[in-house]
C-alpha cells in the first residue's frame, strides 16, 4: 500500500483496496473489508477522486448487506446513488438500482 502510494499509483492502489474489500466481504472477513473500504473512502475524499468515492460507497453498501444490516446498506446505497447522479456515473446507477431492489426484498425501505 505504501509503495503504490509513494510511486504515484493512487488510483491503482484504491482499486486494489476495493477489490480486496470485495474478496474479504465474499469470504466473511467483514472487519477486514471495512478497513479496506474505510481506507478508500478517506483517501478519495482527501484526493477528490469522486468516481472511486462512489465505488467505495457501493462497496460499503454491499458489505453492510452481507452483514445483514440492511438499514446501513440502504444508507450507503442512497449516498452512492446521490453522488453517482451528481457525476452522471451511469454504470454505477444501474448497479445501485439492482442493489436497491435486493435491499427492498429484505424489508429495508429506501429513503431517496
Protein backbone atom coordinates (compact mmCIF):
# COMPACT_ATOMS: atom_id res chain seq x y z
CA UNK A 1 0.00 0.00 0.00
CA UNK A 2 2.71 2.44 0.99
CA UNK A 3 4.83 1.60 -2.09
CA UNK A 4 1.98 2.20 -4.56
CA UNK A 5 1.06 5.43 -2.81
CA UNK A 6 4.62 6.70 -2.94
CA UNK A 7 5.02 5.62 -6.57
CA UNK A 8 2.16 7.89 -7.63
CA UNK A 9 -0.16 4.97 -8.35
CA UNK A 10 -3.01 6.20 -6.16
CA UNK A 11 -5.78 5.04 -8.49
CA UNK A 12 -4.32 1.53 -8.78
CA UNK A 13 -3.92 1.43 -5.02
CA UNK A 14 -7.54 2.43 -4.43
CA UNK A 15 -8.90 -0.02 -6.99
CA UNK A 16 -6.81 -2.77 -5.39
CA UNK A 17 -8.16 -1.92 -1.95
CA UNK A 18 -11.74 -2.02 -3.30
CA UNK A 19 -11.08 -5.41 -4.90
CA UNK A 20 -9.60 -6.68 -1.63
CA UNK A 21 -12.68 -5.40 0.22
CA UNK A 22 -14.97 -7.31 -2.13
CA UNK A 23 -12.98 -10.51 -1.67
CA UNK A 24 -12.95 -10.05 2.12
CA UNK A 25 -16.73 -9.47 2.09
CA UNK A 26 -17.23 -12.58 -0.04
CA UNK A 27 -15.36 -14.79 2.43
CA UNK A 28 -16.98 -13.27 5.51
CA UNK A 29 -13.99 -11.21 6.71
CA UNK A 30 -16.19 -8.21 7.38
CA UNK A 31 -13.83 -6.28 9.65
CA UNK A 32 -11.02 -6.51 7.09
CA UNK A 33 -13.43 -5.46 4.34
CA UNK A 34 -14.50 -2.50 6.48
CA UNK A 35 -10.86 -1.47 6.99
CA UNK A 36 -10.15 -1.57 3.25
CA UNK A 37 -13.33 0.30 2.39
CA UNK A 38 -12.75 2.97 5.04
CA UNK A 39 -9.22 3.48 3.71
CA UNK A 40 -10.60 4.09 0.21
CA UNK A 41 -13.32 6.42 1.50
CA UNK A 42 -10.77 8.50 3.41
CA UNK A 43 -8.31 8.67 0.53
CA UNK A 44 -10.93 9.56 -2.08
CA UNK A 45 -12.43 12.36 0.00
CA UNK A 46 -8.97 13.81 0.62
CA UNK A 47 -7.93 13.46 -3.01
CA UNK A 48 -11.26 14.46 -4.52
CA UNK A 49 -11.41 11.24 -6.57
CA UNK A 50 -15.17 11.23 -6.93
CA UNK A 51 -15.72 8.15 -9.09
CA UNK A 52 -13.73 5.97 -6.71
CA UNK A 53 -15.58 7.57 -3.80
CA UNK A 54 -18.84 6.33 -5.34
CA UNK A 55 -17.28 2.89 -5.80
CA UNK A 56 -16.28 2.87 -2.12
CA UNK A 57 -19.82 3.80 -1.07
CA UNK A 58 -21.14 0.93 -3.21
CA UNK A 59 -18.62 -1.44 -1.59
CA UNK A 60 -19.80 -0.22 1.83
CA UNK A 61 -23.42 -0.90 0.88
CA UNK A 62 -22.50 -4.40 -0.28
CA UNK A 63 -20.55 -5.03 2.91
CA UNK A 64 -23.46 -3.97 5.12
CA UNK A 65 -25.82 -6.11 3.06
CA UNK A 66 -23.53 -9.11 3.63
CA UNK A 67 -23.56 -8.29 7.36
CA UNK A 68 -27.36 -8.23 7.09
CA UNK A 69 -27.51 -4.63 8.30
CA UNK A 70 -29.97 -3.57 5.64
CA UNK A 71 -30.57 -0.14 7.15
CA UNK A 72 -26.90 0.81 6.88
CA UNK A 73 -26.71 -0.80 3.45
CA UNK A 74 -29.62 1.35 2.29
CA UNK A 75 -27.97 4.47 3.71
CA UNK A 76 -24.75 3.77 1.80
CA UNK A 77 -26.79 2.94 -1.30
CA UNK A 78 -28.64 6.27 -1.06
CA UNK A 79 -25.39 8.21 -0.62
CA UNK A 80 -23.76 6.40 -3.55
CA UNK A 81 -26.79 6.99 -5.74
CA UNK A 82 -26.81 10.73 -4.99
CA UNK A 83 -23.08 11.05 -5.72
CA UNK A 84 -23.42 8.97 -8.90
CA UNK A 85 -26.27 11.17 -10.11
CA UNK A 86 -24.20 14.28 -9.44
CA UNK A 87 -21.42 12.82 -11.56
CA UNK A 88 -23.68 11.18 -14.16
CA UNK A 89 -21.94 7.89 -13.36
CA UNK A 90 -24.41 5.72 -15.26
CA UNK A 91 -22.67 2.37 -14.79
CA UNK A 92 -22.92 2.66 -11.00
CA UNK A 93 -26.50 3.91 -11.17
CA UNK A 94 -27.51 0.61 -12.81
CA UNK A 95 -25.60 -1.39 -10.19
CA UNK A 96 -27.22 0.67 -7.42
CA UNK A 97 -30.70 0.03 -8.84
CA UNK A 98 -30.05 -3.72 -8.62
CA UNK A 99 -28.68 -3.40 -5.08
CA UNK A 100 -31.67 -1.27 -4.05
CA UNK A 101 -34.03 -3.97 -5.37
CA UNK A 102 -32.21 -6.60 -3.28
CA UNK A 103 -32.44 -4.41 -0.18
CA UNK A 104 -36.16 -3.91 -0.69
CA UNK A 105 -36.60 -7.68 -0.68
CA UNK A 106 -35.10 -7.68 2.81
CA UNK A 107 -37.60 -5.10 4.01
CA UNK A 108 -35.38 -2.05 4.12
CA UNK A 109 -37.36 0.75 2.57
CA UNK A 110 -35.06 3.18 0.79
CA UNK A 111 -35.44 6.85 1.51
CA UNK A 112 -34.37 8.65 -1.63
